[in-house]
C-alpha atoms as a PDB file:
ATOM      1  CA  MET A   1       0.000   0.000   0.000  1.00  0.00           C
ATOM      2  CA  SER A   2       2.867   2.366   0.745  1.00  0.00           C
ATOM      3  CA  ILE A   3       3.857   2.303  -2.940  1.00  0.00           C
ATOM      4  CA  LEU A   4       0.410   3.730  -3.777  1.00  0.00           C
ATOM      5  CA  TYR A   5       1.188   6.696  -1.552  1.00  0.00           C
ATOM      6  CA  ILE A   6       4.850   7.063  -2.438  1.00  0.00           C
ATOM      7  CA  LEU A   7       4.555   6.764  -6.231  1.00  0.00           C
ATOM      8  CA  PRO A   8       2.361   9.839  -6.900  1.00  0.00           C
ATOM      9  CA  ALA A   9       4.326  11.848  -4.336  1.00  0.00           C
ATOM     10  CA  LEU A  10       7.618  11.011  -6.064  1.00  0.00           C
ATOM     11  CA  LEU A  11       6.280  11.667  -9.561  1.00  0.00           C
ATOM     12  CA  ILE A  12       4.880  15.070  -8.618  1.00  0.00           C
ATOM     13  CA  SER A  13       7.968  16.093  -6.637  1.00  0.00           C
ATOM     14  CA  ILE A  14      10.410  15.113  -9.394  1.00  0.00           C
ATOM     15  CA  THR A  15       8.318  16.551 -12.235  1.00  0.00           C
ATOM     16  CA  PHE A  16       7.842  19.973 -10.678  1.00  0.00           C
ATOM     17  CA  HIS A  17      11.491  20.131  -9.583  1.00  0.00           C
ATOM     18  CA  GLU A  18      12.805  19.523 -13.093  1.00  0.00           C
ATOM     19  CA  LEU A  19      10.131  21.644 -14.762  1.00  0.00           C
ATOM     20  CA  ALA A  20      11.093  24.564 -12.525  1.00  0.00           C
ATOM     21  CA  HIS A  21      14.704  24.423 -13.743  1.00  0.00           C
ATOM     22  CA  GLY A  22      13.638  24.397 -17.385  1.00  0.00           C
ATOM     23  CA  TYR A  23      10.956  27.057 -17.009  1.00  0.00           C
ATOM     24  CA  VAL A  24      13.263  29.548 -15.274  1.00  0.00           C
ATOM     25  CA  ALA A  25      15.958  28.949 -17.910  1.00  0.00           C
ATOM     26  CA  TYR A  26      13.345  29.527 -20.625  1.00  0.00           C
ATOM     27  CA  LYS A  27      12.180  32.784 -19.029  1.00  0.00           C
ATOM     28  CA  LEU A  28      15.816  33.898 -18.938  1.00  0.00           C
ATOM     29  CA  GLY A  29      16.109  33.376 -22.693  1.00  0.00           C
ATOM     30  CA  ASP A  30      17.331  29.776 -22.979  1.00  0.00           C
ATOM     31  CA  PRO A  31      15.112  27.651 -25.298  1.00  0.00           C
ATOM     32  CA  THR A  32      17.075  24.408 -24.711  1.00  0.00           C
ATOM     33  CA  ALA A  33      14.564  22.729 -22.357  1.00  0.00           C
ATOM     34  CA  LYS A  34      11.593  23.846 -24.470  1.00  0.00           C
ATOM     35  CA  ASP A  35      13.171  22.554 -27.683  1.00  0.00           C
ATOM     36  CA  LEU A  36      13.732  19.171 -26.011  1.00  0.00           C
ATOM     37  CA  GLY A  37      10.129  18.951 -24.796  1.00  0.00           C
ATOM     38  CA  ARG A  38      11.057  19.305 -21.129  1.00  0.00           C
ATOM     39  CA  LEU A  39       8.682  22.175 -20.291  1.00  0.00           C
ATOM     40  CA  THR A  40       5.933  19.716 -19.484  1.00  0.00           C
ATOM     41  CA  LEU A  41       4.104  18.177 -16.531  1.00  0.00           C
ATOM     42  CA  ASN A  42       4.429  14.749 -18.159  1.00  0.00           C
ATOM     43  CA  PRO A  43       6.562  12.824 -15.614  1.00  0.00           C
ATOM     44  CA  ILE A  44       7.844  10.419 -18.281  1.00  0.00           C
ATOM     45  CA  LYS A  45       9.856  13.274 -19.787  1.00  0.00           C
ATOM     46  CA  HIS A  46      11.660  13.905 -16.487  1.00  0.00           C
ATOM     47  CA  ILE A  47      12.232  10.413 -15.135  1.00  0.00           C
ATOM     48  CA  ASP A  48      15.367   8.353 -15.586  1.00  0.00           C
ATOM     49  CA  PRO A  49      14.053   4.741 -15.407  1.00  0.00           C
ATOM     50  CA  VAL A  50      17.114   3.363 -13.591  1.00  0.00           C
ATOM     51  CA  GLY A  51      17.289   6.327 -11.229  1.00  0.00           C
ATOM     52  CA  PHE A  52      13.584   6.091 -10.438  1.00  0.00           C
ATOM     53  CA  LEU A  53      13.690   2.348  -9.701  1.00  0.00           C
ATOM     54  CA  SER A  54      16.748   2.937  -7.541  1.00  0.00           C
ATOM     55  CA  LEU A  55      14.837   5.624  -5.652  1.00  0.00           C
ATOM     56  CA  LEU A  56      11.913   3.265  -5.001  1.00  0.00           C
ATOM     57  CA  ILE A  57      14.043   0.262  -4.017  1.00  0.00           C
ATOM     58  CA  LEU A  58      17.241   1.698  -2.525  1.00  0.00           C
ATOM     59  CA  ARG A  59      15.826   5.044  -1.332  1.00  0.00           C
ATOM     60  CA  PHE A  60      18.467   6.816  -3.424  1.00  0.00           C
ATOM     61  CA  GLY A  61      18.042   7.756  -7.051  1.00  0.00           C
ATOM     62  CA  TRP A  62      18.043  10.510  -9.626  1.00  0.00           C
ATOM     63  CA  ALA A  63      15.887  12.176 -12.261  1.00  0.00           C
ATOM     64  CA  LYS A  64      16.782  13.139 -15.822  1.00  0.00           C
ATOM     65  CA  PRO A  65      18.455  16.553 -15.462  1.00  0.00           C
ATOM     66  CA  VAL A  66      16.965  19.394 -17.485  1.00  0.00           C
ATOM     67  CA  PRO A  67      19.686  20.715 -19.805  1.00  0.00           C
ATOM     68  CA  TYR A  68      20.267  24.450 -20.107  1.00  0.00           C
ATOM     69  CA  ASN A  69      22.779  26.687 -21.847  1.00  0.00           C
ATOM     70  CA  PRO A  70      24.001  29.619 -19.710  1.00  0.00           C
ATOM     71  CA  SER A  71      25.370  31.373 -22.791  1.00  0.00           C
ATOM     72  CA  TYR A  72      21.779  32.499 -23.475  1.00  0.00           C
ATOM     73  CA  PHE A  73      21.591  34.383 -20.171  1.00  0.00           C
ATOM     74  CA  LYS A  74      22.269  38.103 -20.096  1.00  0.00           C
ATOM     75  CA  ASN A  75      24.121  37.531 -16.830  1.00  0.00           C
ATOM     76  CA  ARG A  76      25.617  34.016 -16.843  1.00  0.00           C
ATOM     77  CA  ARG A  77      26.274  33.748 -13.102  1.00  0.00           C
ATOM     78  CA  GLN A  78      22.968  35.245 -12.025  1.00  0.00           C
ATOM     79  CA  GLY A  79      21.051  33.116 -14.537  1.00  0.00           C
ATOM     80  CA  THR A  80      22.794  29.943 -13.400  1.00  0.00           C
ATOM     81  CA  LEU A  81      21.972  30.786  -9.783  1.00  0.00           C
ATOM     82  CA  LEU A  82      18.282  31.361 -10.537  1.00  0.00           C
ATOM     83  CA  VAL A  83      17.969  28.152 -12.581  1.00  0.00           C
ATOM     84  CA  ALA A  84      19.730  26.094  -9.911  1.00  0.00           C
ATOM     85  CA  ILE A  85      17.739  27.458  -6.996  1.00  0.00           C
ATOM     86  CA  ALA A  86      14.389  27.065  -8.791  1.00  0.00           C
ATOM     87  CA  GLY A  87      14.236  23.300  -8.147  1.00  0.00           C
ATOM     88  CA  PRO A  88      14.727  23.304  -4.360  1.00  0.00           C
ATOM     89  CA  ILE A  89      12.470  26.355  -3.914  1.00  0.00           C
ATOM     90  CA  THR A  90       9.719  24.616  -5.885  1.00  0.00           C
ATOM     91  CA  ASN A  91      10.052  21.572  -3.620  1.00  0.00           C
ATOM     92  CA  ILE A  92       9.750  23.763  -0.511  1.00  0.00           C
ATOM     93  CA  ILE A  93       6.607  25.404  -1.937  1.00  0.00           C
ATOM     94  CA  LEU A  94       5.108  21.977  -2.708  1.00  0.00           C
ATOM     95  CA  ALA A  95       5.950  20.775   0.820  1.00  0.00           C
ATOM     96  CA  LEU A  96       4.266  23.838   2.295  1.00  0.00           C
ATOM     97  CA  LEU A  97       1.150  23.382   0.140  1.00  0.00           C
ATOM     98  CA  SER A  98       1.013  19.695   1.102  1.00  0.00           C
ATOM     99  CA  LEU A  99       1.200  20.596   4.778  1.00  0.00           C
ATOM    100  CA  ILE A 100      -1.593  23.153   4.425  1.00  0.00           C
ATOM    101  CA  ALA A 101      -3.757  20.539   2.677  1.00  0.00           C
ATOM    102  CA  ILE A 102      -3.011  18.039   5.461  1.00  0.00           C
ATOM    103  CA  ALA A 103      -4.101  20.585   8.057  1.00  0.00           C
ATOM    104  CA  LEU A 104      -7.326  21.268   6.168  1.00  0.00           C
ATOM    105  CA  ILE A 105      -8.151  17.564   5.715  1.00  0.00           C
ATOM    106  CA  ASN A 106      -7.728  17.149   9.482  1.00  0.00           C
ATOM    107  CA  THR A 107      -7.834  13.340   9.478  1.00  0.00           C
ATOM    108  CA  SER A 108      -5.176  10.671   9.094  1.00  0.00           C
ATOM    109  CA  TYR A 109      -7.699   8.103   7.820  1.00  0.00           C
ATOM    110  CA  SER A 110      -7.602   9.075   4.174  1.00  0.00           C
ATOM    111  CA  ILE A 111      -5.717   8.023   1.040  1.00  0.00           C
ATOM    112  CA  TRP A 112      -5.248  11.694   0.201  1.00  0.00           C
ATOM    113  CA  TYR A 113      -3.814  12.340   3.647  1.00  0.00           C
ATOM    114  CA  ASN A 114      -1.204   9.610   3.152  1.00  0.00           C
ATOM    115  CA  ILE A 115      -0.255  10.870  -0.309  1.00  0.00           C
ATOM    116  CA  LEU A 116       0.064  14.436   0.978  1.00  0.00           C
ATOM    117  CA  GLU A 117       2.161  13.216   3.895  1.00  0.00           C
ATOM    118  CA  MET A 118       4.562  11.559   1.437  1.00  0.00           C
ATOM    119  CA  MET A 119       4.496  14.721  -0.703  1.00  0.00           C
ATOM    120  CA  PHE A 120       5.510  16.773   2.318  1.00  0.00           C
ATOM    121  CA  LEU A 121       8.308  14.383   3.235  1.00  0.00           C
ATOM    122  CA  TYR A 122       9.799  13.822  -0.229  1.00  0.00           C
ATOM    123  CA  ASN A 123       9.703  17.460  -1.252  1.00  0.00           C
ATOM    124  CA  ILE A 124      11.647  18.431   1.853  1.00  0.00           C
ATOM    125  CA  ILE A 125      14.146  15.623   1.247  1.00  0.00           C
ATOM    126  CA  PHE A 126      14.605  16.692  -2.390  1.00  0.00           C
ATOM    127  CA  ALA A 127      14.986  20.362  -1.449  1.00  0.00           C
ATOM    128  CA  VAL A 128      17.586  19.702   1.250  1.00  0.00           C
ATOM    129  CA  PHE A 129      19.486  17.005  -0.661  1.00  0.00           C
ATOM    130  CA  ASN A 130      19.695  19.008  -3.881  1.00  0.00           C
ATOM    131  CA  SER A 131      20.910  22.061  -1.973  1.00  0.00           C
ATOM    132  CA  LEU A 132      24.129  20.292  -0.946  1.00  0.00           C
ATOM    133  CA  PRO A 133      27.116  22.043  -2.584  1.00  0.00           C
ATOM    134  CA  VAL A 134      28.414  18.849  -4.205  1.00  0.00           C
ATOM    135  CA  PRO A 135      28.409  18.353  -8.008  1.00  0.00           C
ATOM    136  CA  PRO A 136      26.164  17.474  -9.776  1.00  0.00           C
ATOM    137  CA  LEU A 137      23.565  18.712  -7.264  1.00  0.00           C
ATOM    138  CA  ASP A 138      21.877  22.098  -7.563  1.00  0.00           C
ATOM    139  CA  GLY A 139      23.738  23.354  -4.514  1.00  0.00           C
ATOM    140  CA  SER A 140      27.043  23.107  -6.380  1.00  0.00           C
ATOM    141  CA  LYS A 141      25.745  25.479  -9.069  1.00  0.00           C
ATOM    142  CA  ILE A 142      24.377  27.830  -6.428  1.00  0.00           C
ATOM    143  CA  LEU A 143      27.738  27.886  -4.661  1.00  0.00           C
ATOM    144  CA  ALA A 144      29.712  28.329  -7.889  1.00  0.00           C
ATOM    145  CA  SER A 145      27.485  31.247  -8.902  1.00  0.00           C
ATOM    146  CA  ILE A 146      28.252  33.230  -5.750  1.00  0.00           C
ATOM    147  CA  LEU A 147      31.973  32.433  -5.549  1.00  0.00           C
ATOM    148  CA  PRO A 148      34.507  34.929  -6.931  1.00  0.00           C
ATOM    149  CA  GLU A 149      35.240  34.058 -10.565  1.00  0.00           C
ATOM    150  CA  LYS A 150      38.729  32.672  -9.856  1.00  0.00           C
ATOM    151  CA  LEU A 151      37.336  30.336  -7.209  1.00  0.00           C
ATOM    152  CA  GLU A 152      34.443  29.407  -9.510  1.00  0.00           C
ATOM    153  CA  THR A 153      36.935  28.297 -12.175  1.00  0.00           C
ATOM    154  CA  PHE A 154      38.842  26.265  -9.572  1.00  0.00           C
ATOM    155  CA  PHE A 155      35.570  24.735  -8.321  1.00  0.00           C
ATOM    156  CA  TRP A 156      34.468  23.538 -11.760  1.00  0.00           C
ATOM    157  CA  LYS A 157      37.946  22.229 -12.504  1.00  0.00           C
ATOM    158  CA  TYR A 158      37.345  19.515  -9.908  1.00  0.00           C
ATOM    159  CA  GLU A 159      33.638  19.011 -10.697  1.00  0.00           C
ATOM    160  CA  LYS A 160      34.240  15.466 -11.972  1.00  0.00           C
ATOM    161  CA  TYR A 161      35.207  14.358  -8.452  1.00  0.00           C
ATOM    162  CA  GLY A 162      31.816  15.426  -7.107  1.00  0.00           C
ATOM    163  CA  TYR A 163      30.202  12.112  -8.057  1.00  0.00           C
ATOM    164  CA  ILE A 164      32.876  10.189  -6.158  1.00  0.00           C
ATOM    165  CA  ILE A 165      32.495  12.440  -3.106  1.00  0.00           C
ATOM    166  CA  LEU A 166      28.725  12.005  -3.224  1.00  0.00           C
ATOM    167  CA  LEU A 167      28.974   8.201  -3.379  1.00  0.00           C
ATOM    168  CA  ILE A 168      31.426   8.175  -0.466  1.00  0.00           C
ATOM    169  CA  LEU A 169      29.058  10.342   1.590  1.00  0.00           C
ATOM    170  CA  ILE A 170      26.170   8.000   0.799  1.00  0.00           C
ATOM    171  CA  PHE A 171      27.876   4.679   1.525  1.00  0.00           C
ATOM    172  CA  THR A 172      29.627   5.889   4.691  1.00  0.00           C
ATOM    173  CA  ASN A 173      26.300   7.272   5.974  1.00  0.00           C
ATOM    174  CA  VAL A 174      27.900  10.692   6.418  1.00  0.00           C
ATOM    175  CA  LEU A 175      25.236  11.998   4.056  1.00  0.00           C
ATOM    176  CA  GLY A 176      22.529  10.794   6.431  1.00  0.00           C
ATOM    177  CA  MET A 177      24.170  12.564   9.350  1.00  0.00           C
ATOM    178  CA  ILE A 178      24.212  15.781   7.311  1.00  0.00           C
ATOM    179  CA  LEU A 179      20.708  15.486   5.889  1.00  0.00           C
ATOM    180  CA  GLU A 180      18.728  14.334   8.922  1.00  0.00           C
ATOM    181  CA  PRO A 181      19.144  17.457  11.087  1.00  0.00           C
ATOM    182  CA  ALA A 182      18.663  19.742   8.056  1.00  0.00           C
ATOM    183  CA  ILE A 183      15.482  17.893   7.064  1.00  0.00           C
ATOM    184  CA  SER A 184      14.223  17.983  10.656  1.00  0.00           C
ATOM    185  CA  VAL A 185      14.816  21.738  10.984  1.00  0.00           C
ATOM    186  CA  THR A 186      13.115  22.415   7.639  1.00  0.00           C
ATOM    187  CA  MET A 187      10.113  20.315   8.641  1.00  0.00           C
ATOM    188  CA  ASN A 188       9.791  22.082  11.994  1.00  0.00           C
ATOM    189  CA  VAL A 189       9.994  25.517  10.381  1.00  0.00           C
ATOM    190  CA  LEU A 190       7.257  24.702   7.840  1.00  0.00           C
ATOM    191  CA  VAL A 191       5.055  23.120  10.525  1.00  0.00           C
ATOM    192  CA  ALA A 192       5.494  26.226  12.722  1.00  0.00           C
ATOM    193  CA  ILE A 193       4.517  28.485   9.807  1.00  0.00           C
ATOM    194  CA  VAL A 194       1.366  26.500   9.039  1.00  0.00           C
ATOM    195  CA  GLN A 195       0.398  26.241  12.720  1.00  0.00           C
ATOM    196  CA  PHE A 196       0.807  30.002  13.104  1.00  0.00           C
ATOM    197  CA  PHE A 197      -1.558  30.806  10.242  1.00  0.00           C
ATOM    198  CA  LEU A 198      -3.970  27.881  10.561  1.00  0.00           C
END
């Protein structure tokens, strides 16, 4: 039964995250995502089959990244920052909306309640995880965009090692020790906001 709750939550979270990247890039003048058919709410366009199965089975996976070309941006660094941050911000907004819906439903004995609960959880996880400043995650692009240009060049020079660092963090459980308190704090902040207004 949990798959029935998790599956729609994952599909919505991933789709909106990737769409946000492509849409912001498009609004900044980059047609790459649009030309490739990625400005869509069709989850099939955004899902990497292997990454999605891995996410369901191993609790770690990946989506199909939305490509963009920063050479289209009037300000390359600012554009890259806005595109990168769009995904995590969208996940936070979805988590907040899910929490508001949960509060309005006001019962835990509902299929919709369970789906929304998973939506809340996964969107926070995606937002926090993708904000880590390790390539290829969004956080690495956010960090690179605010570094001085010399340090940005140095940062991207060693980008290829980001995947190795990420795998080490995952398999040594260091990643869990980093993510858990950040996820907990984010959850508590959103819950406090909703409780204050509702």
